[in-house]
Amino acid sequence: MPALTPPPPESAEARRMALYSVLGQVPEGKVVSYGQLAELAGLGRAARWVGRTLGQLPHDTRLPWHRVLGAGGRLSLALGTPSGDEQRARLRAEGVNVANNRVDMARHGWRPMEHSG
């Protein structure tokens, strides 16, 4: 019997809402990659779409966009830019160690299945 995987949301609005719903669940002190976030939201291999969508969030959003990183824990926002500096400051304030423009995903990566019942 094949695994039951929900179909990807059809409308752009449904895709965004699925993304925002999962992003809102990433706990303080944990990080997730763009690809993992897409997968968890049922969007398949849409890492680049996730990055573009997060880049369009309003400045005053309460979603934890700073907890989303590139593959392997790489910070994709450049050091010395307002958003890059804000991301690093927010992560450090949550106890996430940033070294050499990377976060240790084994230590800080969010694995939601480990936290469920």
PDB file of N, CA and C in Angstrom:
ATOM      1  N   MET A   1       0.847  -1.180   0.000  1.00  0.00           N
ATOM      2  CA  MET A   1       0.000   0.000   0.000  1.00  0.00           C
ATOM      3  C   MET A   1       0.889   1.239   0.000  1.00  0.00           C
ATOM      4  N   PRO A   2       0.680   2.185  -0.925  1.00  0.00           N
ATOM      5  CA  PRO A   2       1.547   3.369  -0.991  1.00  0.00           C
ATOM      6  C   PRO A   2       1.319   4.287   0.211  1.00  0.00           C
ATOM      7  N   ALA A   3       2.372   5.020   0.556  1.00  0.00           N
ATOM      8  CA  ALA A   3       2.273   5.978   1.661  1.00  0.00           C
ATOM      9  C   ALA A   3       1.278   7.070   1.283  1.00  0.00           C
ATOM     10  N   LEU A   4       0.519   7.498   2.248  1.00  0.00           N
ATOM     11  CA  LEU A   4      -0.453   8.563   2.000  1.00  0.00           C
ATOM     12  C   LEU A   4       0.231   9.907   2.186  1.00  0.00           C
ATOM     13  N   THR A   5       0.497  10.557   1.090  1.00  0.00           N
ATOM     14  CA  THR A   5       1.124  11.868   1.117  1.00  0.00           C
ATOM     15  C   THR A   5       0.097  12.874   0.617  1.00  0.00           C
ATOM     16  N   PRO A   6      -0.160  13.931   1.400  1.00  0.00           N
ATOM     17  CA  PRO A   6      -1.152  14.895   0.924  1.00  0.00           C
ATOM     18  C   PRO A   6      -0.677  15.557  -0.362  1.00  0.00           C
ATOM     19  N   PRO A   7      -1.605  15.815  -1.279  1.00  0.00           N
ATOM     20  CA  PRO A   7      -1.198  16.490  -2.513  1.00  0.00           C
ATOM     21  C   PRO A   7      -0.734  17.903  -2.199  1.00  0.00           C
ATOM     22  N   PRO A   8       0.174  18.439  -3.011  1.00  0.00           N
ATOM     23  CA  PRO A   8       0.612  19.811  -2.758  1.00  0.00           C
ATOM     24  C   PRO A   8      -0.557  20.782  -2.898  1.00  0.00           C
ATOM     25  N   PRO A   9      -0.609  21.779  -2.037  1.00  0.00           N
ATOM     26  CA  PRO A   9      -1.686  22.769  -2.157  1.00  0.00           C
ATOM     27  C   PRO A   9      -1.665  23.399  -3.550  1.00  0.00           C
ATOM     28  N   GLU A  10      -2.837  23.610  -4.098  1.00  0.00           N
ATOM     29  CA  GLU A  10      -2.941  24.075  -5.483  1.00  0.00           C
ATOM     30  C   GLU A  10      -2.714  25.573  -5.649  1.00  0.00           C
ATOM     31  N   SER A  11      -3.434  26.386  -4.898  1.00  0.00           N
ATOM     32  CA  SER A  11      -3.336  27.825  -5.103  1.00  0.00           C
ATOM     33  C   SER A  11      -2.095  28.404  -4.428  1.00  0.00           C
ATOM     34  N   ALA A  12      -1.648  29.524  -4.939  1.00  0.00           N
ATOM     35  CA  ALA A  12      -0.491  30.197  -4.338  1.00  0.00           C
ATOM     36  C   ALA A  12      -0.785  30.562  -2.888  1.00  0.00           C
ATOM     37  N   GLU A  13      -2.001  30.988  -2.625  1.00  0.00           N
ATOM     38  CA  GLU A  13      -2.380  31.349  -1.252  1.00  0.00           C
ATOM     39  C   GLU A  13      -2.340  30.122  -0.343  1.00  0.00           C
ATOM     40  N   ALA A  14      -2.828  28.988  -0.825  1.00  0.00           N
ATOM     41  CA  ALA A  14      -2.807  27.755  -0.030  1.00  0.00           C
ATOM     42  C   ALA A  14      -1.361  27.320   0.238  1.00  0.00           C
ATOM     43  N   ARG A  15      -0.494  27.474  -0.766  1.00  0.00           N
ATOM     44  CA  ARG A  15       0.920  27.127  -0.580  1.00  0.00           C
ATOM     45  C   ARG A  15       1.560  28.015   0.489  1.00  0.00           C
ATOM     46  N   ARG A  16       1.287  29.311   0.402  1.00  0.00           N
ATOM     47  CA  ARG A  16       1.835  30.238   1.405  1.00  0.00           C
ATOM     48  C   ARG A  16       1.322  29.906   2.806  1.00  0.00           C
ATOM     49  N   MET A  17       0.028  29.626   2.923  1.00  0.00           N
ATOM     50  CA  MET A  17      -0.541  29.341   4.235  1.00  0.00           C
ATOM     51  C   MET A  17       0.051  28.052   4.819  1.00  0.00           C
ATOM     52  N   ALA A  18       0.280  27.041   3.978  1.00  0.00           N
ATOM     53  CA  ALA A  18       0.906  25.803   4.439  1.00  0.00           C
ATOM     54  C   ALA A  18       2.323  26.096   4.937  1.00  0.00           C
ATOM     55  N   LEU A  19       3.045  26.904   4.187  1.00  0.00           N
ATOM     56  CA  LEU A  19       4.408  27.283   4.565  1.00  0.00           C
ATOM     57  C   LEU A  19       4.409  28.033   5.890  1.00  0.00           C
ATOM     58  N   TYR A  20       3.558  29.044   6.005  1.00  0.00           N
ATOM     59  CA  TYR A  20       3.518  29.860   7.224  1.00  0.00           C
ATOM     60  C   TYR A  20       3.107  29.031   8.434  1.00  0.00           C
ATOM     61  N   SER A  21       2.201  28.090   8.234  1.00  0.00           N
ATOM     62  CA  SER A  21       1.739  27.240   9.327  1.00  0.00           C
ATOM     63  C   SER A  21       2.894  26.421   9.911  1.00  0.00           C
ATOM     64  N   VAL A  22       3.694  25.815   9.033  1.00  0.00           N
ATOM     65  CA  VAL A  22       4.828  25.015   9.512  1.00  0.00           C
ATOM     66  C   VAL A  22       5.906  25.919  10.094  1.00  0.00           C
ATOM     67  N   LEU A  23       6.204  27.018   9.434  1.00  0.00           N
ATOM     68  CA  LEU A  23       7.230  27.932   9.930  1.00  0.00           C
ATOM     69  C   LEU A  23       6.886  28.411  11.335  1.00  0.00           C
ATOM     70  N   GLY A  24       5.631  28.690  11.596  1.00  0.00           N
ATOM     71  CA  GLY A  24       5.209  29.153  12.914  1.00  0.00           C
ATOM     72  C   GLY A  24       5.417  28.128  14.017  1.00  0.00           C
ATOM     73  N   GLN A  25       5.634  26.870  13.640  1.00  0.00           N
ATOM     74  CA  GLN A  25       5.835  25.802  14.631  1.00  0.00           C
ATOM     75  C   GLN A  25       7.305  25.571  14.976  1.00  0.00           C
ATOM     76  N   VAL A  26       8.222  26.155  14.228  1.00  0.00           N
ATOM     77  CA  VAL A  26       9.649  25.944  14.503  1.00  0.00           C
ATOM     78  C   VAL A  26       9.966  26.596  15.847  1.00  0.00           C
ATOM     79  N   PRO A  27      10.386  25.792  16.827  1.00  0.00           N
ATOM     80  CA  PRO A  27      10.589  26.343  18.172  1.00  0.00           C
ATOM     81  C   PRO A  27      11.835  27.216  18.300  1.00  0.00           C
ATOM     82  N   GLU A  28      11.798  28.055  19.283  1.00  0.00           N
ATOM     83  CA  GLU A  28      12.941  28.910  19.610  1.00  0.00           C
ATOM     84  C   GLU A  28      14.161  28.028  19.845  1.00  0.00           C
ATOM     85  N   GLY A  29      15.300  28.470  19.313  1.00  0.00           N
ATOM     86  CA  GLY A  29      16.542  27.727  19.491  1.00  0.00           C
ATOM     87  C   GLY A  29      16.740  26.600  18.495  1.00  0.00           C
ATOM     88  N   LYS A  30      15.791  26.437  17.563  1.00  0.00           N
ATOM     89  CA  LYS A  30      15.898  25.400  16.540  1.00  0.00           C
ATOM     90  C   LYS A  30      15.876  26.060  15.169  1.00  0.00           C
ATOM     91  N   VAL A  31      16.446  25.374  14.181  1.00  0.00           N
ATOM     92  CA  VAL A  31      16.487  25.889  12.811  1.00  0.00           C
ATOM     93  C   VAL A  31      16.046  24.789  11.855  1.00  0.00           C
ATOM     94  N   VAL A  32      15.691  25.204  10.655  1.00  0.00           N
ATOM     95  CA  VAL A  32      15.233  24.296   9.612  1.00  0.00           C
ATOM     96  C   VAL A  32      15.783  24.815   8.284  1.00  0.00           C
ATOM     97  N   SER A  33      16.047  23.909   7.352  1.00  0.00           N
ATOM     98  CA  SER A  33      16.520  24.364   6.037  1.00  0.00           C
ATOM     99  C   SER A  33      15.325  24.726   5.161  1.00  0.00           C
ATOM    100  N   TYR A  34      15.587  25.491   4.116  1.00  0.00           N
ATOM    101  CA  TYR A  34      14.528  25.853   3.174  1.00  0.00           C
ATOM    102  C   TYR A  34      13.871  24.592   2.613  1.00  0.00           C
ATOM    103  N   GLY A  35      14.683  23.612   2.231  1.00  0.00           N
ATOM    104  CA  GLY A  35      14.163  22.377   1.662  1.00  0.00           C
ATOM    105  C   GLY A  35      13.344  21.571   2.652  1.00  0.00           C
ATOM    106  N   GLN A  36      13.822  21.496   3.893  1.00  0.00           N
ATOM    107  CA  GLN A  36      13.088  20.767   4.927  1.00  0.00           C
ATOM    108  C   GLN A  36      11.751  21.444   5.196  1.00  0.00           C
ATOM    109  N   LEU A  37      11.749  22.769   5.230  1.00  0.00           N
ATOM    110  CA  LEU A  37      10.510  23.512   5.471  1.00  0.00           C
ATOM    111  C   LEU A  37       9.512  23.242   4.343  1.00  0.00           C
ATOM    112  N   ALA A  38       9.982  23.242   3.109  1.00  0.00           N
ATOM    113  CA  ALA A  38       9.104  22.943   1.972  1.00  0.00           C
ATOM    114  C   ALA A  38       8.516  21.544   2.110  1.00  0.00           C
ATOM    115  N   GLU A  39       9.368  20.586   2.437  1.00  0.00           N
ATOM    116  CA  GLU A  39       8.939  19.191   2.581  1.00  0.00           C
ATOM    117  C   GLU A  39       7.898  19.057   3.703  1.00  0.00           C
ATOM    118  N   LEU A  40       8.165  19.660   4.855  1.00  0.00           N
ATOM    119  CA  LEU A  40       7.241  19.581   5.986  1.00  0.00           C
ATOM    120  C   LEU A  40       5.897  20.237   5.685  1.00  0.00           C
ATOM    121  N   ALA A  41       5.911  21.248   4.824  1.00  0.00           N
ATOM    122  CA  ALA A  41       4.673  21.953   4.457  1.00  0.00           C
ATOM    123  C   ALA A  41       3.929  21.244   3.331  1.00  0.00           C
ATOM    124  N   GLY A  42       4.461  20.102   2.872  1.00  0.00           N
ATOM    125  CA  GLY A  42       3.804  19.358   1.807  1.00  0.00           C
ATOM    126  C   GLY A  42       3.994  19.969   0.429  1.00  0.00           C
ATOM    127  N   LEU A  43       5.086  20.724   0.271  1.00  0.00           N
ATOM    128  CA  LEU A  43       5.329  21.425  -0.988  1.00  0.00           C
ATOM    129  C   LEU A  43       6.401  20.763  -1.837  1.00  0.00           C
ATOM    130  N   GLY A  44       6.852  19.598  -1.423  1.00  0.00           N
ATOM    131  CA  GLY A  44       7.860  18.885  -2.206  1.00  0.00           C
ATOM    132  C   GLY A  44       9.203  19.584  -2.195  1.00  0.00           C
ATOM    133  N   ARG A  45       9.840  19.563  -3.348  1.00  0.00           N
ATOM    134  CA  ARG A  45      11.191  20.136  -3.477  1.00  0.00           C
ATOM    135  C   ARG A  45      11.092  21.592  -3.930  1.00  0.00           C
ATOM    136  N   ALA A  46      10.649  22.432  -3.032  1.00  0.00           N
ATOM    137  CA  ALA A  46      10.401  23.838  -3.378  1.00  0.00           C
ATOM    138  C   ALA A  46      11.253  24.785  -2.539  1.00  0.00           C
ATOM    139  N   ALA A  47      12.495  24.413  -2.282  1.00  0.00           N
ATOM    140  CA  ALA A  47      13.359  25.223  -1.422  1.00  0.00           C
ATOM    141  C   ALA A  47      13.516  26.651  -1.943  1.00  0.00           C
ATOM    142  N   ARG A  48      13.718  26.808  -3.235  1.00  0.00           N
ATOM    143  CA  ARG A  48      13.906  28.160  -3.789  1.00  0.00           C
ATOM    144  C   ARG A  48      12.639  28.984  -3.666  1.00  0.00           C
ATOM    145  N   TRP A  49      11.487  28.345  -3.890  1.00  0.00           N
ATOM    146  CA  TRP A  49      10.215  29.047  -3.730  1.00  0.00           C
ATOM    147  C   TRP A  49      10.049  29.508  -2.279  1.00  0.00           C
ATOM    148  N   VAL A  50      10.422  28.654  -1.335  1.00  0.00           N
ATOM    149  CA  VAL A  50      10.350  29.017   0.087  1.00  0.00           C
ATOM    150  C   VAL A  50      11.211  30.252   0.344  1.00  0.00           C
ATOM    151  N   GLY A  51      12.428  30.261  -0.179  1.00  0.00           N
ATOM    152  CA  GLY A  51      13.316  31.403   0.014  1.00  0.00           C
ATOM    153  C   GLY A  51      12.743  32.684  -0.558  1.00  0.00           C
ATOM    154  N   ARG A  52      12.199  32.606  -1.764  1.00  0.00           N
ATOM    155  CA  ARG A  52      11.592  33.800  -2.379  1.00  0.00           C
ATOM    156  C   ARG A  52      10.390  34.274  -1.572  1.00  0.00           C
ATOM    157  N   THR A  53       9.578  33.344  -1.127  1.00  0.00           N
ATOM    158  CA  THR A  53       8.378  33.693  -0.371  1.00  0.00           C
ATOM    159  C   THR A  53       8.738  34.334   0.964  1.00  0.00           C
ATOM    160  N   LEU A  54       9.721  33.789   1.645  1.00  0.00           N
ATOM    161  CA  LEU A  54      10.137  34.381   2.929  1.00  0.00           C
ATOM    162  C   LEU A  54      10.744  35.763   2.720  1.00  0.00           C
ATOM    163  N   GLY A  55      11.401  35.961   1.590  1.00  0.00           N
ATOM    164  CA  GLY A  55      11.970  37.264   1.276  1.00  0.00           C
ATOM    165  C   GLY A  55      10.924  38.338   1.052  1.00  0.00           C
ATOM    166  N   GLN A  56       9.677  37.928   0.843  1.00  0.00           N
ATOM    167  CA  GLN A  56       8.581  38.871   0.613  1.00  0.00           C
ATOM    168  C   GLN A  56       7.735  39.112   1.857  1.00  0.00           C
ATOM    169  N   LEU A  57       8.138  38.524   2.991  1.00  0.00           N
ATOM    170  CA  LEU A  57       7.373  38.748   4.221  1.00  0.00           C
ATOM    171  C   LEU A  57       7.424  40.219   4.610  1.00  0.00           C
ATOM    172  N   PRO A  58       6.351  40.732   5.214  1.00  0.00           N
ATOM    173  CA  PRO A  58       6.389  42.119   5.684  1.00  0.00           C
ATOM    174  C   PRO A  58       7.466  42.299   6.747  1.00  0.00           C
ATOM    175  N   HIS A  59       8.018  43.487   6.816  1.00  0.00           N
ATOM    176  CA  HIS A  59       9.102  43.780   7.761  1.00  0.00           C
ATOM    177  C   HIS A  59       8.696  43.466   9.204  1.00  0.00           C
ATOM    178  N   ASP A  60       7.435  43.684   9.541  1.00  0.00           N
ATOM    179  CA  ASP A  60       6.986  43.511  10.922  1.00  0.00           C
ATOM    180  C   ASP A  60       6.369  42.127  11.198  1.00  0.00           C
ATOM    181  N   THR A  61       6.663  41.140  10.352  1.00  0.00           N
ATOM    182  CA  THR A  61       6.096  39.803  10.546  1.00  0.00           C
ATOM    183  C   THR A  61       6.523  39.216  11.883  1.00  0.00           C
ATOM    184  N   ARG A  62       5.637  38.412  12.439  1.00  0.00           N
ATOM    185  CA  ARG A  62       5.950  37.711  13.680  1.00  0.00           C
ATOM    186  C   ARG A  62       6.410  36.277  13.408  1.00  0.00           C
ATOM    187  N   LEU A  63       6.422  35.873  12.135  1.00  0.00           N
ATOM    188  CA  LEU A  63       6.907  34.536  11.797  1.00  0.00           C
ATOM    189  C   LEU A  63       8.422  34.463  12.016  1.00  0.00           C
ATOM    190  N   PRO A  64       8.920  33.337  12.501  1.00  0.00           N
ATOM    191  CA  PRO A  64      10.359  33.212  12.796  1.00  0.00           C
ATOM    192  C   PRO A  64      11.199  32.899  11.550  1.00  0.00           C
ATOM    193  N   TRP A  65      11.195  33.815  10.590  1.00  0.00           N
ATOM    194  CA  TRP A  65      11.940  33.648   9.332  1.00  0.00           C
ATOM    195  C   TRP A  65      13.428  33.416   9.561  1.00  0.00           C
ATOM    196  N   HIS A  66      13.936  33.953  10.663  1.00  0.00           N
ATOM    197  CA  HIS A  66      15.372  33.865  10.946  1.00  0.00           C
ATOM    198  C   HIS A  66      15.816  32.432  11.262  1.00  0.00           C
ATOM    199  N   ARG A  67      14.869  31.536  11.513  1.00  0.00           N
ATOM    200  CA  ARG A  67      15.200  30.144  11.836  1.00  0.00           C
ATOM    201  C   ARG A  67      15.324  29.272  10.588  1.00  0.00           C
ATOM    202  N   VAL A  68      15.215  29.871   9.404  1.00  0.00           N
ATOM    203  CA  VAL A  68      15.300  29.116   8.153  1.00  0.00           C
ATOM    204  C   VAL A  68      16.663  29.372   7.509  1.00  0.00           C
ATOM    205  N   LEU A  69      17.371  28.269   7.220  1.00  0.00           N
ATOM    206  CA  LEU A  69      18.740  28.356   6.714  1.00  0.00           C
ATOM    207  C   LEU A  69      18.890  27.588   5.414  1.00  0.00           C
ATOM    208  N   GLY A  70      20.011  27.822   4.758  1.00  0.00           N
ATOM    209  CA  GLY A  70      20.330  27.064   3.558  1.00  0.00           C
ATOM    210  C   GLY A  70      20.736  25.642   3.909  1.00  0.00           C
ATOM    211  N   ALA A  71      20.952  24.848   2.885  1.00  0.00           N
ATOM    212  CA  ALA A  71      21.340  23.455   3.069  1.00  0.00           C
ATOM    213  C   ALA A  71      22.583  23.343   3.940  1.00  0.00           C
ATOM    214  N   GLY A  72      22.597  22.344   4.792  1.00  0.00           N
ATOM    215  CA  GLY A  72      23.750  22.105   5.647  1.00  0.00           C
ATOM    216  C   GLY A  72      23.939  23.136   6.742  1.00  0.00           C
ATOM    217  N   GLY A  73      22.917  23.948   7.008  1.00  0.00           N
ATOM    218  CA  GLY A  73      23.009  24.944   8.070  1.00  0.00           C
ATOM    219  C   GLY A  73      23.662  26.248   7.665  1.00  0.00           C
ATOM    220  N   ARG A  74      23.842  26.453   6.359  1.00  0.00           N
ATOM    221  CA  ARG A  74      24.488  27.669   5.865  1.00  0.00           C
ATOM    222  C   ARG A  74      23.544  28.859   5.954  1.00  0.00           C
ATOM    223  N   LEU A  75      24.026  29.966   6.500  1.00  0.00           N
ATOM    224  CA  LEU A  75      23.242  31.194   6.520  1.00  0.00           C
ATOM    225  C   LEU A  75      23.320  31.818   5.137  1.00  0.00           C
ATOM    226  N   SER A  76      22.172  32.008   4.508  1.00  0.00           N
ATOM    227  CA  SER A  76      22.172  32.510   3.135  1.00  0.00           C
ATOM    228  C   SER A  76      22.071  34.023   3.060  1.00  0.00           C
ATOM    229  N   LEU A  77      21.743  34.670   4.168  1.00  0.00           N
ATOM    230  CA  LEU A  77      21.700  36.137   4.180  1.00  0.00           C
ATOM    231  C   LEU A  77      23.099  36.648   4.518  1.00  0.00           C
ATOM    232  N   ALA A  78      23.601  37.548   3.712  1.00  0.00           N
ATOM    233  CA  ALA A  78      24.995  37.979   3.824  1.00  0.00           C
ATOM    234  C   ALA A  78      25.283  38.746   5.111  1.00  0.00           C
ATOM    235  N   LEU A  79      26.435  38.434   5.684  1.00  0.00           N
ATOM    236  CA  LEU A  79      26.945  39.163   6.838  1.00  0.00           C
ATOM    237  C   LEU A  79      27.157  40.617   6.431  1.00  0.00           C
ATOM    238  N   GLY A  80      26.763  41.542   7.282  1.00  0.00           N
ATOM    239  CA  GLY A  80      26.930  42.965   6.984  1.00  0.00           C
ATOM    240  C   GLY A  80      25.712  43.598   6.336  1.00  0.00           C
ATOM    241  N   THR A  81      24.698  42.788   5.997  1.00  0.00           N
ATOM    242  CA  THR A  81      23.448  43.340   5.481  1.00  0.00           C
ATOM    243  C   THR A  81      22.469  43.450   6.647  1.00  0.00           C
ATOM    244  N   PRO A  82      21.510  44.371   6.583  1.00  0.00           N
ATOM    245  CA  PRO A  82      20.564  44.491   7.693  1.00  0.00           C
ATOM    246  C   PRO A  82      19.846  43.175   8.021  1.00  0.00           C
ATOM    247  N   SER A  83      19.356  42.476   7.021  1.00  0.00           N
ATOM    248  CA  SER A  83      18.635  41.233   7.303  1.00  0.00           C
ATOM    249  C   SER A  83      19.590  40.138   7.787  1.00  0.00           C
ATOM    250  N   GLY A  84      20.781  40.069   7.203  1.00  0.00           N
ATOM    251  CA  GLY A  84      21.769  39.075   7.636  1.00  0.00           C
ATOM    252  C   GLY A  84      22.202  39.300   9.072  1.00  0.00           C
ATOM    253  N   ASP A  85      22.458  40.540   9.426  1.00  0.00           N
ATOM    254  CA  ASP A  85      22.866  40.854  10.796  1.00  0.00           C
ATOM    255  C   ASP A  85      21.729  40.588  11.778  1.00  0.00           C
ATOM    256  N   GLU A  86      20.492  40.903  11.366  1.00  0.00           N
ATOM    257  CA  GLU A  86      19.345  40.650  12.235  1.00  0.00           C
ATOM    258  C   GLU A  86      19.151  39.147  12.449  1.00  0.00           C
ATOM    259  N   GLN A  87      19.320  38.362  11.383  1.00  0.00           N
ATOM    260  CA  GLN A  87      19.178  36.914  11.516  1.00  0.00           C
ATOM    261  C   GLN A  87      20.197  36.364  12.511  1.00  0.00           C
ATOM    262  N   ARG A  88      21.442  36.760  12.363  1.00  0.00           N
ATOM    263  CA  ARG A  88      22.493  36.268  13.261  1.00  0.00           C
ATOM    264  C   ARG A  88      22.215  36.683  14.706  1.00  0.00           C
ATOM    265  N   ALA A  89      21.798  37.931  14.909  1.00  0.00           N
ATOM    266  CA  ALA A  89      21.511  38.413  16.271  1.00  0.00           C
ATOM    267  C   ALA A  89      20.345  37.642  16.888  1.00  0.00           C
ATOM    268  N   ARG A  90      19.278  37.416  16.109  1.00  0.00           N
ATOM    269  CA  ARG A  90      18.119  36.677  16.629  1.00  0.00           C
ATOM    270  C   ARG A  90      18.488  35.239  16.979  1.00  0.00           C
ATOM    271  N   LEU A  91      19.253  34.586  16.105  1.00  0.00           N
ATOM    272  CA  LEU A  91      19.653  33.206  16.383  1.00  0.00           C
ATOM    273  C   LEU A  91      20.503  33.131  17.641  1.00  0.00           C
ATOM    274  N   ARG A  92      21.465  34.021  17.763  1.00  0.00           N
ATOM    275  CA  ARG A  92      22.336  34.016  18.948  1.00  0.00           C
ATOM    276  C   ARG A  92      21.536  34.297  20.216  1.00  0.00           C
ATOM    277  N   ALA A  93      20.538  35.181  20.127  1.00  0.00           N
ATOM    278  CA  ALA A  93      19.697  35.489  21.283  1.00  0.00           C
ATOM    279  C   ALA A  93      18.899  34.263  21.732  1.00  0.00           C
ATOM    280  N   GLU A  94      18.662  33.341  20.810  1.00  0.00           N
ATOM    281  CA  GLU A  94      17.937  32.107  21.133  1.00  0.00           C
ATOM    282  C   GLU A  94      18.876  30.975  21.536  1.00  0.00           C
ATOM    283  N   GLY A  95      20.172  31.265  21.613  1.00  0.00           N
ATOM    284  CA  GLY A  95      21.139  30.256  22.024  1.00  0.00           C
ATOM    285  C   GLY A  95      21.673  29.393  20.898  1.00  0.00           C
ATOM    286  N   VAL A  96      21.443  29.813  19.658  1.00  0.00           N
ATOM    287  CA  VAL A  96      21.943  29.062  18.500  1.00  0.00           C
ATOM    288  C   VAL A  96      23.354  29.543  18.190  1.00  0.00           C
ATOM    289  N   ASN A  97      24.283  28.615  18.139  1.00  0.00           N
ATOM    290  CA  ASN A  97      25.673  28.959  17.861  1.00  0.00           C
ATOM    291  C   ASN A  97      25.879  29.110  16.359  1.00  0.00           C
ATOM    292  N   VAL A  98      26.352  30.292  15.947  1.00  0.00           N
ATOM    293  CA  VAL A  98      26.666  30.554  14.541  1.00  0.00           C
ATOM    294  C   VAL A  98      28.179  30.676  14.435  1.00  0.00           C
ATOM    295  N   ALA A  99      28.798  29.800  13.650  1.00  0.00           N
ATOM    296  CA  ALA A  99      30.248  29.827  13.469  1.00  0.00           C
ATOM    297  C   ALA A  99      30.566  29.599  12.000  1.00  0.00           C
ATOM    298  N   ASN A 100      31.450  30.418  11.448  1.00  0.00           N
ATOM    299  CA  ASN A 100      31.842  30.301  10.042  1.00  0.00           C
ATOM    300  C   ASN A 100      30.631  30.316   9.111  1.00  0.00           C
ATOM    301  N   ASN A 101      29.673  31.177   9.434  1.00  0.00           N
ATOM    302  CA  ASN A 101      28.482  31.375   8.602  1.00  0.00           C
ATOM    303  C   ASN A 101      27.593  30.127   8.539  1.00  0.00           C
ATOM    304  N   ARG A 102      27.713  29.264   9.554  1.00  0.00           N
ATOM    305  CA  ARG A 102      26.933  28.019   9.601  1.00  0.00           C
ATOM    306  C   ARG A 102      26.397  27.770  11.006  1.00  0.00           C
ATOM    307  N   VAL A 103      25.342  26.953  11.022  1.00  0.00           N
ATOM    308  CA  VAL A 103      24.763  26.468  12.268  1.00  0.00           C
ATOM    309  C   VAL A 103      24.869  24.954  12.234  1.00  0.00           C
ATOM    310  N   ASP A 104      25.229  24.351  13.345  1.00  0.00           N
ATOM    311  CA  ASP A 104      25.327  22.897  13.448  1.00  0.00           C
ATOM    312  C   ASP A 104      23.910  22.315  13.449  1.00  0.00           C
ATOM    313  N   MET A 105      23.514  21.734  12.310  1.00  0.00           N
ATOM    314  CA  MET A 105      22.157  21.204  12.169  1.00  0.00           C
ATOM    315  C   MET A 105      21.927  19.990  13.073  1.00  0.00           C
ATOM    316  N   ALA A 106      22.970  19.229  13.371  1.00  0.00           N
ATOM    317  CA  ALA A 106      22.808  18.081  14.265  1.00  0.00           C
ATOM    318  C   ALA A 106      22.417  18.560  15.668  1.00  0.00           C
ATOM    319  N   ARG A 107      22.947  19.695  16.053  1.00  0.00           N
ATOM    320  CA  ARG A 107      22.672  20.234  17.392  1.00  0.00           C
ATOM    321  C   ARG A 107      21.410  21.087  17.427  1.00  0.00           C
ATOM    322  N   HIS A 108      21.228  21.951  16.427  1.00  0.00           N
ATOM    323  CA  HIS A 108      20.137  22.933  16.459  1.00  0.00           C
ATOM    324  C   HIS A 108      19.002  22.657  15.476  1.00  0.00           C
ATOM    325  N   GLY A 109      19.161  21.637  14.637  1.00  0.00           N
ATOM    326  CA  GLY A 109      18.132  21.354  13.643  1.00  0.00           C
ATOM    327  C   GLY A 109      16.827  20.878  14.273  1.00  0.00           C
ATOM    328  N   TRP A 110      15.726  21.346  13.715  1.00  0.00           N
ATOM    329  CA  TRP A 110      14.397  20.960  14.214  1.00  0.00           C
ATOM    330  C   TRP A 110      13.984  19.653  13.575  1.00  0.00           C
ATOM    331  N   ARG A 111      13.659  18.696  14.413  1.00  0.00           N
ATOM    332  CA  ARG A 111      13.158  17.402  13.953  1.00  0.00           C
ATOM    333  C   ARG A 111      11.808  17.187  14.615  1.00  0.00           C
ATOM    334  N   PRO A 112      10.736  17.667  13.970  1.00  0.00           N
ATOM    335  CA  PRO A 112       9.420  17.661  14.623  1.00  0.00           C
ATOM    336  C   PRO A 112       8.931  16.278  15.048  1.00  0.00           C
ATOM    337  N   MET A 113       9.334  15.234  14.352  1.00  0.00           N
ATOM    338  CA  MET A 113       8.873  13.901  14.727  1.00  0.00           C
ATOM    339  C   MET A 113       9.409  13.481  16.096  1.00  0.00           C
ATOM    340  N   GLU A 114      10.541  14.014  16.509  1.00  0.00           N
ATOM    341  CA  GLU A 114      11.103  13.671  17.820  1.00  0.00           C
ATOM    342  C   GLU A 114      10.293  14.306  18.948  1.00  0.00           C
ATOM    343  N   HIS A 115       9.527  15.358  18.627  1.00  0.00           N
ATOM    344  CA  HIS A 115       8.807  16.082  19.658  1.00  0.00           C
ATOM    345  C   HIS A 115       7.335  15.701  19.730  1.00  0.00           C
ATOM    346  N   SER A 116       6.884  14.827  18.823  1.00  0.00           N
ATOM    347  CA  SER A 116       5.486  14.439  18.852  1.00  0.00           C
ATOM    348  C   SER A 116       5.321  13.186  19.704  1.00  0.00           C
ATOM    349  N   GLY A 117       4.117  13.052  20.291  1.00  0.00           N
ATOM    350  CA  GLY A 117       3.720  11.965  21.161  1.00  0.00           C
ATOM    351  C   GLY A 117       4.579  10.812  21.115  1.00  0.00           C
TER     352      GLY A 117
END
